[in-house]
């Protein structure tokens, strides 16, 4: 049976009126810790880039490294689209277990790579898993976290990638020290240790239930009620009696919401929101894939920084990236989404234009360029995280995961698929002006995203997901 009689439910309002509790902390840890692991191993890849060019390791060229990054992105795009659809069809919980297992397999296999082709294939598999994680994890977080805290939690969770990046930056000099490990062993340990640590996430995720919001719209109201009662009891045990929910809505549950219905909503009623999501995703993806993930190559080629020291420069960048969402995140729930998203994209773009000019003129050193990136990414990191927040909260529940997947895929394919290969070629030319033009392009995209936010942005702060976008089943 595909359809069920209309039901009246107060489940979304019961979840949104909950105070912050241990339950929400476990949800954030169980789902968000993936980004810490991803940040750890992606930063190790970036920091180890020059080392992987050595004849003692994989003998990769700069274009090889750019192509590996592009294939990682291609895997992420494919994973996002496939698992985004599966997440909306079969639920959040099943998929975030499956994508995590695929991701961890890719990380562990990367440690066993023996040449360029094997490394590229295993990185693509890793991307396939992490792409699926974006859709499943962001959907689950937004649907389980109360509206009052949704903005800051989403930003901090996505920004926690950079906490992992900081650990990766600290580990890289140690892994590359040939007095401790041979040239062909240290980089393998980085992947292996990260993959083994990631298995702990499987244990944490048992504390995360299926989204009651998803269940109630997919003909599983009794299970949704049971989960919400358990959550309420857990929260009440620690926070005291709960206030009564305010509001209810009527939905027409369906076991399956066809792709035709989903895409009709995204390209019809929510067309302007789709344009906004695409603009934000492309801008943030191009920035990070062009600037941050090629930083190790810039240090080696233009500043002659030894491979073993690259991590010392990446560390402050990672800290700046994490501090941005941590310190500015609450403002997205108080000052407001529209002002903060537009403001952070604008400041990032202006500072990047200035840095591009200084780099082209040859007026920067390894230290001063690192300082410039710290300032830029302090604002760019919450801007980037807000792109995922926007895509996940401005579309109906039934299409949430697929919406995240589609816009992540479009942004990543355009911004992330092109920029690593482009910058690999620009760096290979040896011209600071060629590289600075690439930076300028990234800045223009950031400013364009800020303009899109001002025109199409939604004031979604502290509002229930159902009031921002009515469920298709309503």
Protein backbone atom coordinates (compact mmCIF):
# COMPACT_ATOMS: atom_id res chain seq x y z
CA UNK A 1 0.00 0.00 0.00
CA UNK A 2 1.54 3.31 -1.12
CA UNK A 3 -0.85 5.75 0.59
CA UNK A 4 -2.33 6.06 4.07
CA UNK A 5 -5.24 8.09 5.40
CA UNK A 6 -4.41 11.61 6.54
CA UNK A 7 -3.15 11.86 10.12
CA UNK A 8 -2.73 14.77 12.49
CA UNK A 9 0.64 14.85 14.23
CA UNK A 10 2.47 17.09 16.68
CA UNK A 11 5.80 15.23 16.42
CA UNK A 12 7.79 18.09 14.82
CA UNK A 13 6.63 20.52 17.50
CA UNK A 14 7.41 18.06 20.31
CA UNK A 15 10.97 17.69 19.01
CA UNK A 16 11.46 21.44 18.56
CA UNK A 17 10.32 22.39 22.07
CA UNK A 18 12.86 20.12 23.79
CA UNK A 19 15.63 21.74 25.85
CA UNK A 20 19.25 20.89 25.07
CA UNK A 21 20.12 17.56 26.67
CA UNK A 22 22.48 14.60 26.76
CA UNK A 23 20.44 13.01 23.98
CA UNK A 24 21.27 15.89 21.62
CA UNK A 25 24.95 15.70 22.58
CA UNK A 26 25.01 12.01 21.64
CA UNK A 27 23.32 12.76 18.32
CA UNK A 28 25.93 15.41 17.53
CA UNK A 29 28.80 13.11 18.52
CA UNK A 30 27.41 10.05 16.73
CA UNK A 31 26.82 11.90 13.48
CA UNK A 32 29.24 14.82 13.53
CA UNK A 33 32.41 12.95 14.48
CA UNK A 34 32.58 11.67 10.89
CA UNK A 35 33.62 15.15 9.78
CA UNK A 36 36.47 15.13 12.29
CA UNK A 37 37.73 11.89 10.79
CA UNK A 38 37.27 13.20 7.24
CA UNK A 39 39.18 16.36 8.15
CA UNK A 40 41.98 14.25 9.60
CA UNK A 41 42.53 12.13 6.52
CA UNK A 42 41.88 14.84 3.90
CA UNK A 43 44.45 17.08 5.61
CA UNK A 44 46.92 14.23 5.70
CA UNK A 45 46.41 13.85 1.93
CA UNK A 46 46.96 17.59 1.42
CA UNK A 47 50.01 17.72 3.66
CA UNK A 48 51.47 14.55 2.21
CA UNK A 49 50.97 15.70 -1.37
CA UNK A 50 54.59 16.74 -1.93
CA UNK A 51 55.86 13.60 -0.18
CA UNK A 52 53.79 11.39 -2.52
CA UNK A 53 55.77 12.85 -5.41
CA UNK A 54 58.94 11.21 -4.11
CA UNK A 55 60.44 8.23 -6.00
CA UNK A 56 60.38 6.42 -2.64
CA UNK A 57 56.58 6.64 -2.42
CA UNK A 58 54.00 6.77 -5.26
CA UNK A 59 55.94 9.10 -7.61
CA UNK A 60 52.90 11.31 -8.28
CA UNK A 61 53.20 14.49 -10.36
CA UNK A 62 51.30 17.71 -9.52
CA UNK A 63 48.72 16.95 -12.25
CA UNK A 64 48.42 13.42 -10.78
CA UNK A 65 47.63 14.90 -7.36
CA UNK A 66 45.11 17.28 -8.92
CA UNK A 67 43.46 14.38 -10.74
CA UNK A 68 43.31 12.30 -7.54
CA UNK A 69 41.53 15.21 -5.83
CA UNK A 70 39.12 15.49 -8.77
CA UNK A 71 38.37 11.75 -8.66
CA UNK A 72 37.72 11.99 -4.92
CA UNK A 73 35.23 14.73 -5.73
CA UNK A 74 33.67 12.64 -8.52
CA UNK A 75 33.16 9.80 -6.06
CA UNK A 76 31.59 12.21 -3.58
CA UNK A 77 29.19 13.50 -6.23
CA UNK A 78 28.11 9.98 -7.20
CA UNK A 79 27.77 8.96 -3.54
CA UNK A 80 25.71 12.02 -2.68
CA UNK A 81 23.22 11.45 -5.51
CA UNK A 82 22.83 7.70 -4.99
CA UNK A 83 22.65 7.77 -1.21
CA UNK A 84 20.62 10.99 -1.17
CA UNK A 85 17.84 9.18 -3.00
CA UNK A 86 18.24 6.10 -0.79
CA UNK A 87 18.10 8.27 2.36
CA UNK A 88 14.74 9.76 1.38
CA UNK A 89 13.47 6.34 0.25
CA UNK A 90 14.65 4.04 3.07
CA UNK A 91 15.38 6.39 5.96
CA UNK A 92 18.33 8.23 7.48
CA UNK A 93 19.55 5.52 9.87
CA UNK A 94 20.12 2.70 7.40
CA UNK A 95 22.04 4.92 5.01
CA UNK A 96 24.33 6.65 7.50
CA UNK A 97 25.53 3.22 8.64
CA UNK A 98 26.11 2.05 5.06
CA UNK A 99 27.93 5.21 3.94
CA UNK A 100 30.20 5.13 6.98
CA UNK A 101 31.27 1.54 6.26
CA UNK A 102 32.07 2.43 2.63
CA UNK A 103 33.99 5.51 3.71
CA UNK A 104 36.10 3.61 6.24
CA UNK A 105 36.85 0.89 3.66
CA UNK A 106 38.13 3.55 1.26
CA UNK A 107 40.37 5.13 3.91
CA UNK A 108 41.90 1.79 4.94
CA UNK A 109 42.45 0.69 1.34
CA UNK A 110 44.15 4.04 0.58
CA UNK A 111 46.84 3.02 3.06
CA UNK A 112 47.57 -0.05 0.90
CA UNK A 113 47.91 1.81 -2.42
CA UNK A 114 50.83 0.72 -4.60
CA UNK A 115 50.67 3.17 -7.53
CA UNK A 116 48.79 6.16 -8.94
CA UNK A 117 45.88 4.13 -10.30
CA UNK A 118 45.21 2.21 -7.07
CA UNK A 119 45.50 5.38 -4.97
CA UNK A 120 43.11 7.23 -7.28
CA UNK A 121 40.55 4.38 -7.17
CA UNK A 122 40.64 4.09 -3.38
CA UNK A 123 40.34 7.85 -2.96
CA UNK A 124 37.32 7.75 -5.26
CA UNK A 125 35.75 5.05 -3.08
CA UNK A 126 36.41 7.19 -0.01
CA UNK A 127 34.70 10.12 -1.69
CA UNK A 128 31.74 7.88 -2.58
CA UNK A 129 31.21 7.16 1.11
CA UNK A 130 31.67 10.72 2.33
CA UNK A 131 29.30 12.08 -0.33
CA UNK A 132 26.57 9.81 0.99
CA UNK A 133 27.35 10.92 4.54
CA UNK A 134 26.60 14.55 3.70
CA UNK A 135 23.03 13.74 2.67
CA UNK A 136 22.17 11.26 5.43
CA UNK A 137 23.93 12.98 8.33
CA UNK A 138 22.79 16.55 7.62
CA UNK A 139 19.19 15.36 7.17
CA UNK A 140 19.23 13.48 10.47
CA UNK A 141 20.84 16.32 12.42
CA UNK A 142 18.39 18.97 11.20
CA UNK A 143 15.39 16.72 11.91
CA UNK A 144 16.49 15.78 15.45
CA UNK A 145 17.92 19.07 16.76
CA UNK A 146 15.45 21.66 18.19
CA UNK A 147 14.82 24.69 15.95
CA UNK A 148 16.33 27.06 18.51
CA UNK A 149 19.76 25.44 18.18
CA UNK A 150 19.64 24.07 14.61
CA UNK A 151 21.76 26.76 12.95
CA UNK A 152 24.70 26.79 15.35
CA UNK A 153 24.72 22.99 15.73
CA UNK A 154 24.70 22.43 11.98
CA UNK A 155 27.54 24.92 11.48
CA UNK A 156 29.66 23.52 14.29
CA UNK A 157 29.11 19.92 13.16
CA UNK A 158 30.12 20.71 9.59
CA UNK A 159 32.93 22.93 10.88
CA UNK A 160 34.27 20.09 13.03
CA UNK A 161 35.93 18.86 9.83
CA UNK A 162 38.59 21.42 10.68
CA UNK A 163 39.13 20.04 14.15
CA UNK A 164 40.14 16.82 12.43
CA UNK A 165 42.22 18.86 10.00
CA UNK A 166 44.12 20.36 12.94
CA UNK A 167 44.93 16.86 14.22
CA UNK A 168 45.99 15.89 10.72
CA UNK A 169 48.27 18.90 10.48
CA UNK A 170 49.89 18.00 13.81
CA UNK A 171 50.33 14.38 12.77
CA UNK A 172 51.81 15.08 9.33
CA UNK A 173 55.27 16.31 10.43
CA UNK A 174 55.55 13.27 12.71
CA UNK A 175 54.48 10.86 9.95
CA UNK A 176 56.89 12.44 7.46
CA UNK A 177 59.91 12.41 9.79
CA UNK A 178 62.14 9.81 8.16
CA UNK A 179 64.10 9.48 11.40
CA UNK A 180 60.96 7.80 12.79
CA UNK A 181 59.31 6.19 9.75
CA UNK A 182 60.60 5.32 6.31
CA UNK A 183 59.37 7.52 3.45
CA UNK A 184 56.97 4.83 2.23
CA UNK A 185 55.53 3.94 5.65
CA UNK A 186 54.59 7.19 7.40
CA UNK A 187 51.92 8.30 4.94
CA UNK A 188 50.36 4.81 5.02
CA UNK A 189 50.11 4.92 8.80
CA UNK A 190 48.20 8.19 8.55
CA UNK A 191 45.42 6.55 6.57
CA UNK A 192 45.48 3.32 8.55
CA UNK A 193 45.23 4.95 11.96
CA UNK A 194 42.44 7.26 10.78
CA UNK A 195 40.44 4.34 9.41
CA UNK A 196 40.79 2.30 12.59
CA UNK A 197 39.77 5.25 14.76
CA UNK A 198 36.71 5.66 12.57
CA UNK A 199 35.32 2.30 13.61
CA UNK A 200 34.43 3.86 16.98
CA UNK A 201 31.79 5.93 15.18
CA UNK A 202 29.82 2.76 14.48
CA UNK A 203 29.41 2.33 18.24
CA UNK A 204 28.33 5.94 18.81
CA UNK A 205 25.71 5.78 16.07
CA UNK A 206 23.66 3.22 17.93
CA UNK A 207 22.48 6.14 20.13
CA UNK A 208 21.00 7.95 17.10
CA UNK A 209 17.41 6.89 16.27
CA UNK A 210 15.66 7.07 12.93
CA UNK A 211 14.18 10.50 12.24
CA UNK A 212 10.60 10.56 13.62
CA UNK A 213 9.81 13.27 11.07
CA UNK A 214 10.75 10.87 8.25
CA UNK A 215 8.84 7.98 9.81
CA UNK A 216 5.57 9.87 10.24
CA UNK A 217 5.49 10.88 6.55
CA UNK A 218 6.37 7.35 5.39
CA UNK A 219 3.47 5.42 6.94
CA UNK A 220 5.31 4.53 10.15
CA UNK A 221 3.54 6.79 12.65
CA UNK A 222 3.50 4.25 15.50
CA UNK A 223 7.26 3.81 15.37
CA UNK A 224 7.69 7.60 15.20
CA UNK A 225 5.52 8.05 18.30
CA UNK A 226 7.48 5.38 20.16
CA UNK A 227 10.83 7.03 19.37
CA UNK A 228 9.61 10.50 20.34
CA UNK A 229 8.22 9.21 23.65
CA UNK A 230 11.58 7.61 24.41
CA UNK A 231 13.41 10.85 23.55
CA UNK A 232 11.02 12.90 25.71
CA UNK A 233 11.47 10.52 28.64
CA UNK A 234 15.26 10.67 28.31
CA UNK A 235 15.25 14.47 28.18
CA UNK A 236 12.73 14.82 31.04
CA UNK A 237 14.85 12.58 33.27
CA UNK A 238 17.71 15.08 33.06
CA UNK A 239 15.96 18.42 32.41
CA UNK A 240 12.73 18.04 34.36
CA UNK A 241 9.10 18.29 33.18
CA UNK A 242 8.65 19.35 29.56
CA UNK A 243 6.44 22.16 28.33
CA UNK A 244 3.48 21.12 26.14
CA UNK A 245 4.05 21.30 22.37
CA UNK A 246 2.52 24.23 20.51
CA UNK A 247 0.94 23.25 17.22
CA UNK A 248 0.20 20.29 14.97
CA UNK A 249 -0.08 19.54 11.29
CA UNK A 250 -1.96 17.15 9.05
CA UNK A 251 0.02 14.92 6.69
CA UNK A 252 -0.88 12.34 4.06
CA UNK A 253 1.78 9.64 4.51
CA UNK A 254 3.17 7.75 1.53
CA UNK A 255 5.66 4.91 1.46
CA UNK A 256 7.32 6.40 -1.63
CA UNK A 257 7.54 9.96 -2.93
CA UNK A 258 8.39 9.73 -6.62
CA UNK A 259 11.31 11.61 -8.14
CA UNK A 260 8.85 13.46 -10.39
CA UNK A 261 7.09 14.97 -7.38
CA UNK A 262 10.41 15.81 -5.69
CA UNK A 263 12.04 17.49 -8.69
CA UNK A 264 8.81 19.31 -9.55
CA UNK A 265 8.92 20.95 -6.13
CA UNK A 266 12.61 21.87 -6.43
CA UNK A 267 12.28 23.34 -9.94
CA UNK A 268 8.77 24.76 -9.56
CA UNK A 269 7.57 26.17 -6.25
CA UNK A 270 11.10 26.26 -4.79
CA UNK A 271 12.98 27.35 -7.93
CA UNK A 272 14.49 30.47 -6.35
CA UNK A 273 15.64 28.47 -3.35
CA UNK A 274 17.29 26.01 -5.73
CA UNK A 275 19.19 28.83 -7.42
CA UNK A 276 20.35 30.02 -4.01
CA UNK A 277 21.53 26.57 -2.94
CA UNK A 278 23.48 26.08 -6.19
CA UNK A 279 25.20 29.47 -5.87
CA UNK A 280 26.26 28.86 -2.26
CA UNK A 281 27.47 25.32 -2.95
CA UNK A 282 29.52 26.17 -6.04
CA UNK A 283 31.22 29.11 -4.34
CA UNK A 284 32.25 27.28 -1.18
CA UNK A 285 33.32 24.15 -3.06
CA UNK A 286 35.51 26.04 -5.53
CA UNK A 287 37.12 28.01 -2.69
CA UNK A 288 38.08 25.02 -0.58
CA UNK A 289 39.11 22.72 -3.37
CA UNK A 290 41.22 25.41 -5.03
CA UNK A 291 42.78 27.08 -2.01
CA UNK A 292 42.95 24.84 1.02
CA UNK A 293 43.54 21.49 -0.61
CA UNK A 294 46.41 22.78 -2.79
CA UNK A 295 48.11 24.73 -0.01
CA UNK A 296 50.79 22.08 0.48
CA UNK A 297 51.77 22.35 -3.19
CA UNK A 298 51.87 26.17 -2.98
CA UNK A 299 54.20 25.99 0.03
CA UNK A 300 56.50 23.52 -1.68
CA UNK A 301 56.63 25.12 -5.14
CA UNK A 302 56.63 28.84 -4.31
CA UNK A 303 58.13 29.03 -0.83
CA UNK A 304 60.35 25.92 -0.80
CA UNK A 305 58.87 24.72 2.49
CA UNK A 306 60.18 21.19 3.29
CA UNK A 307 57.59 18.41 3.05
CA UNK A 308 57.89 17.59 6.74
CA UNK A 309 57.05 21.21 7.69
CA UNK A 310 53.87 21.63 5.63
CA UNK A 311 51.71 20.49 8.56
CA UNK A 312 52.94 23.40 10.70
CA UNK A 313 51.43 25.83 8.19
CA UNK A 314 48.21 23.85 7.71
CA UNK A 315 47.57 23.75 11.48
CA UNK A 316 46.71 27.47 11.94
CA UNK A 317 44.48 27.31 8.86
CA UNK A 318 42.58 24.40 10.36
CA UNK A 319 42.22 26.20 13.69
CA UNK A 320 40.90 29.33 11.95
CA UNK A 321 38.40 27.23 10.02
CA UNK A 322 37.08 25.60 13.19
CA UNK A 323 36.99 28.80 15.24
CA UNK A 324 34.80 30.55 12.64
CA UNK A 325 31.72 28.31 13.05
CA UNK A 326 32.41 27.87 16.77
CA UNK A 327 32.50 31.61 17.54
CA UNK A 328 30.07 32.91 14.91
CA UNK A 329 27.62 29.98 14.81
CA UNK A 330 25.21 31.31 17.44
CA UNK A 331 24.81 34.54 15.45
CA UNK A 332 23.16 32.55 12.65
CA UNK A 333 20.37 31.76 15.15
CA UNK A 334 20.15 35.28 16.64
CA UNK A 335 21.27 37.93 14.14
CA UNK A 336 19.74 35.78 11.42
CA UNK A 337 20.56 33.50 8.52
CA UNK A 338 20.33 36.05 5.72
CA UNK A 339 22.55 38.71 7.27
CA UNK A 340 25.19 36.28 8.50
CA UNK A 341 25.37 34.14 5.35
CA UNK A 342 25.64 37.16 3.06
CA UNK A 343 28.10 38.86 5.41
CA UNK A 344 30.48 35.92 5.75
CA UNK A 345 30.53 35.25 1.99
CA UNK A 346 31.16 38.94 1.29
CA UNK A 347 34.04 39.31 3.75
CA UNK A 348 35.64 36.10 2.49
CA UNK A 349 35.47 37.32 -1.10
CA UNK A 350 36.93 40.76 -0.36
CA UNK A 351 39.83 39.40 1.69
CA UNK A 352 40.54 36.76 -0.98
CA UNK A 353 40.75 39.38 -3.73
CA UNK A 354 43.29 41.31 -1.69
CA UNK A 355 45.31 38.15 -1.02
CA UNK A 356 45.27 37.21 -4.72
CA UNK A 357 46.77 40.58 -5.64
CA UNK A 358 49.48 40.34 -2.98
CA UNK A 359 50.37 36.80 -4.05
CA UNK A 360 50.60 37.79 -7.70
CA UNK A 361 52.92 40.67 -6.83
CA UNK A 362 55.16 38.31 -4.87
CA UNK A 363 54.74 40.33 -1.68
CA UNK A 364 53.79 37.37 0.52
CA UNK A 365 55.92 34.87 2.40
CA UNK A 366 54.89 31.43 3.63
CA UNK A 367 54.07 32.99 7.01
CA UNK A 368 52.16 36.05 5.77
CA UNK A 369 50.17 34.00 3.28
CA UNK A 370 49.22 31.61 6.07
CA UNK A 371 48.06 34.58 8.17
CA UNK A 372 45.96 35.80 5.24
CA UNK A 373 44.34 32.38 4.86
CA UNK A 374 43.56 32.22 8.58
CA UNK A 375 41.63 35.52 8.33
CA UNK A 376 39.84 34.48 5.13
CA UNK A 377 38.81 31.06 6.39
CA UNK A 378 37.62 32.38 9.75
CA UNK A 379 34.72 33.86 7.76
CA UNK A 380 34.70 31.39 4.86
CA UNK A 381 34.26 28.34 7.10
CA UNK A 382 30.88 29.37 8.60
CA UNK A 383 29.89 30.57 5.11
CA UNK A 384 30.68 27.14 3.67
CA UNK A 385 28.86 25.33 6.47
CA UNK A 386 25.86 27.61 5.98
CA UNK A 387 25.58 26.36 2.40
CA UNK A 388 24.86 22.86 3.73
CA UNK A 389 22.53 24.30 6.38
CA UNK A 390 20.63 26.23 3.72
CA UNK A 391 20.24 23.24 1.39
CA UNK A 392 19.03 21.07 4.24
CA UNK A 393 16.40 23.33 5.78
CA UNK A 394 14.70 25.26 2.94
CA UNK A 395 13.19 22.26 1.13
CA UNK A 396 10.35 19.88 2.15
CA UNK A 397 11.16 16.96 4.44
CA UNK A 398 10.41 14.36 1.77
CA UNK A 399 13.12 15.77 -0.50
CA UNK A 400 15.59 16.97 2.13
CA UNK A 401 18.32 14.36 1.67
CA UNK A 402 18.02 14.39 -2.12
CA UNK A 403 18.07 18.20 -2.14
CA UNK A 404 21.28 18.21 -0.09
CA UNK A 405 22.69 15.57 -2.42
CA UNK A 406 21.72 17.35 -5.64
CA UNK A 407 23.07 20.74 -4.65
CA UNK A 408 26.16 19.26 -3.06
CA UNK A 409 26.71 17.27 -6.27
CA UNK A 410 26.21 20.28 -8.54
CA UNK A 411 28.39 22.54 -6.42
CA UNK A 412 31.06 19.92 -5.96
CA UNK A 413 31.06 18.83 -9.61
CA UNK A 414 31.43 22.40 -10.84
CA UNK A 415 33.53 23.86 -8.04
CA UNK A 416 35.37 20.82 -6.75
CA UNK A 417 35.63 18.84 -9.94
CA UNK A 418 37.29 21.62 -11.91
CA UNK A 419 39.37 23.51 -9.35
CA UNK A 420 41.88 20.83 -8.18
CA UNK A 421 42.90 19.95 -11.73
CA UNK A 422 42.90 23.65 -12.69
CA UNK A 423 45.10 24.65 -9.78
CA UNK A 424 47.37 21.66 -10.29
CA UNK A 425 48.03 23.03 -13.79
CA UNK A 426 48.33 26.66 -12.57
CA UNK A 427 50.87 25.69 -9.93
CA UNK A 428 52.84 23.65 -12.45
CA UNK A 429 53.32 26.81 -14.60
CA UNK A 430 55.35 28.34 -11.78
CA UNK A 431 53.68 31.74 -12.27
CA UNK A 432 52.31 33.54 -9.21
CA UNK A 433 50.02 35.60 -11.46
CA UNK A 434 48.47 32.50 -13.00
CA UNK A 435 47.68 31.17 -9.52
CA UNK A 436 46.40 34.56 -8.36
CA UNK A 437 43.90 34.62 -11.24
CA UNK A 438 42.54 31.33 -9.91
CA UNK A 439 42.19 32.91 -6.47
CA UNK A 440 40.41 35.90 -8.01
CA UNK A 441 37.92 33.57 -9.70
CA UNK A 442 37.16 31.96 -6.33
CA UNK A 443 36.61 35.44 -4.82
CA UNK A 444 34.16 36.43 -7.57
CA UNK A 445 32.14 33.26 -6.92
CA UNK A 446 32.00 34.09 -3.19
CA UNK A 447 30.71 37.60 -3.89
CA UNK A 448 28.16 36.19 -6.32
CA UNK A 449 26.92 33.79 -3.62
CA UNK A 450 26.54 36.72 -1.21
CA UNK A 451 24.39 38.54 -3.79
CA UNK A 452 22.24 35.42 -4.28
CA UNK A 453 21.71 35.17 -0.51
CA UNK A 454 20.59 38.80 -0.31
CA UNK A 455 18.08 38.26 -3.12
CA UNK A 456 16.77 34.76 -2.39
CA UNK A 457 17.80 34.06 1.23
CA UNK A 458 15.28 32.79 3.80
CA UNK A 459 15.08 33.99 7.42
CA UNK A 460 14.95 30.45 8.78
CA UNK A 461 16.40 31.11 12.24
CA UNK A 462 14.52 29.47 15.15
CA UNK A 463 11.69 28.33 12.86
CA UNK A 464 10.45 24.77 12.56
CA UNK A 465 11.45 22.97 9.38
CA UNK A 466 7.77 22.52 8.51
CA UNK A 467 7.13 26.29 8.65
CA UNK A 468 10.10 26.99 6.37
CA UNK A 469 8.92 24.47 3.75
CA UNK A 470 5.62 22.60 4.01
CA UNK A 471 5.97 18.79 3.72
CA UNK A 472 4.90 17.45 0.33
CA UNK A 473 2.63 15.10 2.26
CA UNK A 474 0.77 17.96 3.94
